[in-house]
N, C-alpha and C. Protein backbone atom coordinates (compact mmCIF):
# COMPACT_ATOMS: atom_id res chain seq x y z
N MET A 1 97.84 127.62 95.02
CA MET A 1 97.14 127.80 96.25
C MET A 1 95.76 128.32 95.93
N GLU A 2 94.79 127.78 96.59
CA GLU A 2 93.44 128.27 96.45
C GLU A 2 93.01 128.74 97.82
N ARG A 3 92.41 129.88 97.88
CA ARG A 3 92.09 130.43 99.18
C ARG A 3 90.59 130.57 99.34
N SER A 4 90.17 130.63 100.59
CA SER A 4 88.79 130.97 100.90
C SER A 4 88.83 132.17 101.82
N GLY A 5 87.73 132.86 101.94
CA GLY A 5 87.73 134.05 102.78
C GLY A 5 88.39 135.21 102.08
N ARG A 6 89.09 136.05 102.82
CA ARG A 6 89.63 137.28 102.27
C ARG A 6 91.16 137.31 102.33
N LEU A 7 91.81 136.23 102.01
CA LEU A 7 93.27 136.21 101.99
C LEU A 7 93.76 137.23 100.98
N PRO A 8 94.64 138.14 101.39
CA PRO A 8 95.17 139.12 100.45
C PRO A 8 96.06 138.45 99.41
N LEU A 9 96.36 139.19 98.37
CA LEU A 9 97.24 138.71 97.31
C LEU A 9 96.65 137.46 96.66
N ARG A 10 95.33 137.40 96.57
CA ARG A 10 94.66 136.19 96.11
C ARG A 10 94.95 135.89 94.64
N ARG A 11 95.26 134.66 94.41
CA ARG A 11 95.51 134.13 93.07
C ARG A 11 95.82 132.65 93.20
N TYR A 12 95.88 131.98 92.10
CA TYR A 12 96.25 130.58 92.11
C TYR A 12 97.75 130.47 91.87
N LEU A 13 98.41 129.67 92.67
CA LEU A 13 99.86 129.51 92.56
C LEU A 13 100.17 128.03 92.40
N CYS A 14 100.98 127.72 91.42
CA CYS A 14 101.18 126.32 91.06
C CYS A 14 102.58 125.80 91.33
N TRP A 15 103.42 126.53 91.97
CA TRP A 15 104.76 126.04 92.26
C TRP A 15 105.22 126.66 93.57
N PRO A 16 106.11 125.96 94.30
CA PRO A 16 106.50 126.41 95.64
C PRO A 16 107.10 127.81 95.70
N GLU A 17 107.94 128.16 94.72
CA GLU A 17 108.57 129.48 94.74
C GLU A 17 107.53 130.59 94.61
N ALA A 18 106.50 130.38 93.81
CA ALA A 18 105.46 131.39 93.66
C ALA A 18 104.71 131.58 94.97
N LEU A 19 104.46 130.51 95.66
CA LEU A 19 103.78 130.61 96.95
C LEU A 19 104.66 131.32 97.98
N THR A 20 105.92 130.93 98.04
CA THR A 20 106.83 131.56 98.99
C THR A 20 107.06 133.03 98.68
N ASP A 21 107.44 133.33 97.44
CA ASP A 21 107.77 134.71 97.06
C ASP A 21 106.53 135.58 96.87
N GLY A 22 105.50 135.02 96.26
CA GLY A 22 104.33 135.81 95.91
C GLY A 22 103.36 136.03 97.03
N VAL A 23 103.42 135.20 98.07
CA VAL A 23 102.46 135.35 99.16
C VAL A 23 103.17 135.51 100.50
N PHE A 24 103.83 134.46 100.97
CA PHE A 24 104.32 134.48 102.34
C PHE A 24 105.41 135.51 102.60
N ARG A 25 106.32 135.69 101.67
CA ARG A 25 107.36 136.70 101.89
C ARG A 25 106.73 138.10 101.94
N ARG A 26 105.78 138.36 101.04
CA ARG A 26 105.11 139.67 101.03
C ARG A 26 104.28 139.88 102.29
N LEU A 27 103.56 138.86 102.71
CA LEU A 27 102.76 139.00 103.93
C LEU A 27 103.67 139.25 105.13
N GLY A 28 104.79 138.56 105.17
CA GLY A 28 105.73 138.72 106.28
C GLY A 28 106.35 140.10 106.35
N THR A 29 106.45 140.80 105.21
CA THR A 29 107.06 142.14 105.22
C THR A 29 106.01 143.25 105.18
N GLU A 30 104.81 142.98 104.67
CA GLU A 30 103.79 144.02 104.54
C GLU A 30 102.76 144.01 105.67
N TRP A 31 102.64 142.93 106.39
CA TRP A 31 101.69 142.84 107.49
C TRP A 31 102.42 142.90 108.82
N THR A 32 101.78 143.47 109.81
CA THR A 32 102.31 143.48 111.17
C THR A 32 101.80 142.24 111.88
N GLY A 33 102.71 141.47 112.43
CA GLY A 33 102.33 140.29 113.20
C GLY A 33 101.74 139.16 112.38
N TYR A 34 102.09 139.06 111.10
CA TYR A 34 101.54 137.98 110.27
C TYR A 34 101.95 136.63 110.82
N ARG A 35 100.97 135.73 110.90
CA ARG A 35 101.22 134.38 111.40
C ARG A 35 100.28 133.42 110.68
N ALA A 36 100.79 132.29 110.26
CA ALA A 36 99.97 131.24 109.64
C ALA A 36 100.23 129.94 110.37
N GLU A 37 99.16 129.22 110.68
CA GLU A 37 99.28 127.93 111.36
C GLU A 37 98.47 126.89 110.59
N VAL A 38 99.14 125.85 110.14
CA VAL A 38 98.47 124.75 109.43
C VAL A 38 98.00 123.74 110.46
N HIS A 39 96.75 123.31 110.35
CA HIS A 39 96.26 122.29 111.27
C HIS A 39 96.01 120.95 110.57
N THR A 40 95.91 120.92 109.23
CA THR A 40 95.65 119.68 108.52
C THR A 40 96.34 119.70 107.15
N TYR A 41 97.00 118.61 106.81
CA TYR A 41 97.56 118.41 105.47
C TYR A 41 96.82 117.26 104.81
N LEU A 42 96.54 117.41 103.53
CA LEU A 42 95.95 116.33 102.74
C LEU A 42 96.87 116.06 101.55
N ALA A 43 97.19 114.81 101.31
CA ALA A 43 98.06 114.46 100.19
C ALA A 43 97.33 113.51 99.26
N ASP A 44 97.53 113.73 97.95
CA ASP A 44 96.96 112.86 96.93
C ASP A 44 97.95 112.81 95.78
N GLY A 45 98.77 111.78 95.75
CA GLY A 45 99.81 111.68 94.72
C GLY A 45 100.82 112.79 94.89
N ASP A 46 101.00 113.61 93.83
CA ASP A 46 101.97 114.70 93.91
C ASP A 46 101.32 116.02 94.31
N ARG A 47 100.12 115.99 94.84
CA ARG A 47 99.42 117.19 95.29
C ARG A 47 99.27 117.18 96.80
N VAL A 48 99.45 118.33 97.39
CA VAL A 48 99.27 118.48 98.83
C VAL A 48 98.43 119.71 99.10
N GLY A 49 97.49 119.58 99.99
CA GLY A 49 96.67 120.71 100.41
C GLY A 49 96.91 120.95 101.89
N ALA A 50 96.89 122.21 102.28
CA ALA A 50 97.08 122.56 103.69
C ALA A 50 95.91 123.44 104.14
N PHE A 51 95.38 123.13 105.28
CA PHE A 51 94.27 123.90 105.85
C PHE A 51 94.72 124.47 107.18
N GLY A 52 94.38 125.73 107.40
CA GLY A 52 94.78 126.35 108.65
C GLY A 52 94.18 127.72 108.80
N VAL A 53 94.80 128.51 109.66
CA VAL A 53 94.32 129.86 109.94
C VAL A 53 95.49 130.83 109.82
N TYR A 54 95.17 132.09 109.56
CA TYR A 54 96.19 133.13 109.51
C TYR A 54 95.68 134.34 110.24
N SER A 55 96.62 135.21 110.65
CA SER A 55 96.24 136.45 111.32
C SER A 55 97.30 137.49 111.07
N GLY A 56 96.96 138.73 111.32
CA GLY A 56 97.86 139.86 111.14
C GLY A 56 97.05 141.08 110.72
N THR A 57 97.74 142.22 110.68
CA THR A 57 97.05 143.45 110.27
C THR A 57 97.85 144.16 109.21
């Protein structure tokens, strides 16, 4: 995962489990009201990118 802006826990993640465990699970337990909404997916072969917005405190 590559992020822009000030996404916490910033780093590059190259496999689904790292993204789930290393980012979303932590955000869901450490942030109040964490929410992520994807508005666009881009696919190129075996790569997928997702663009969206997130919120929480």
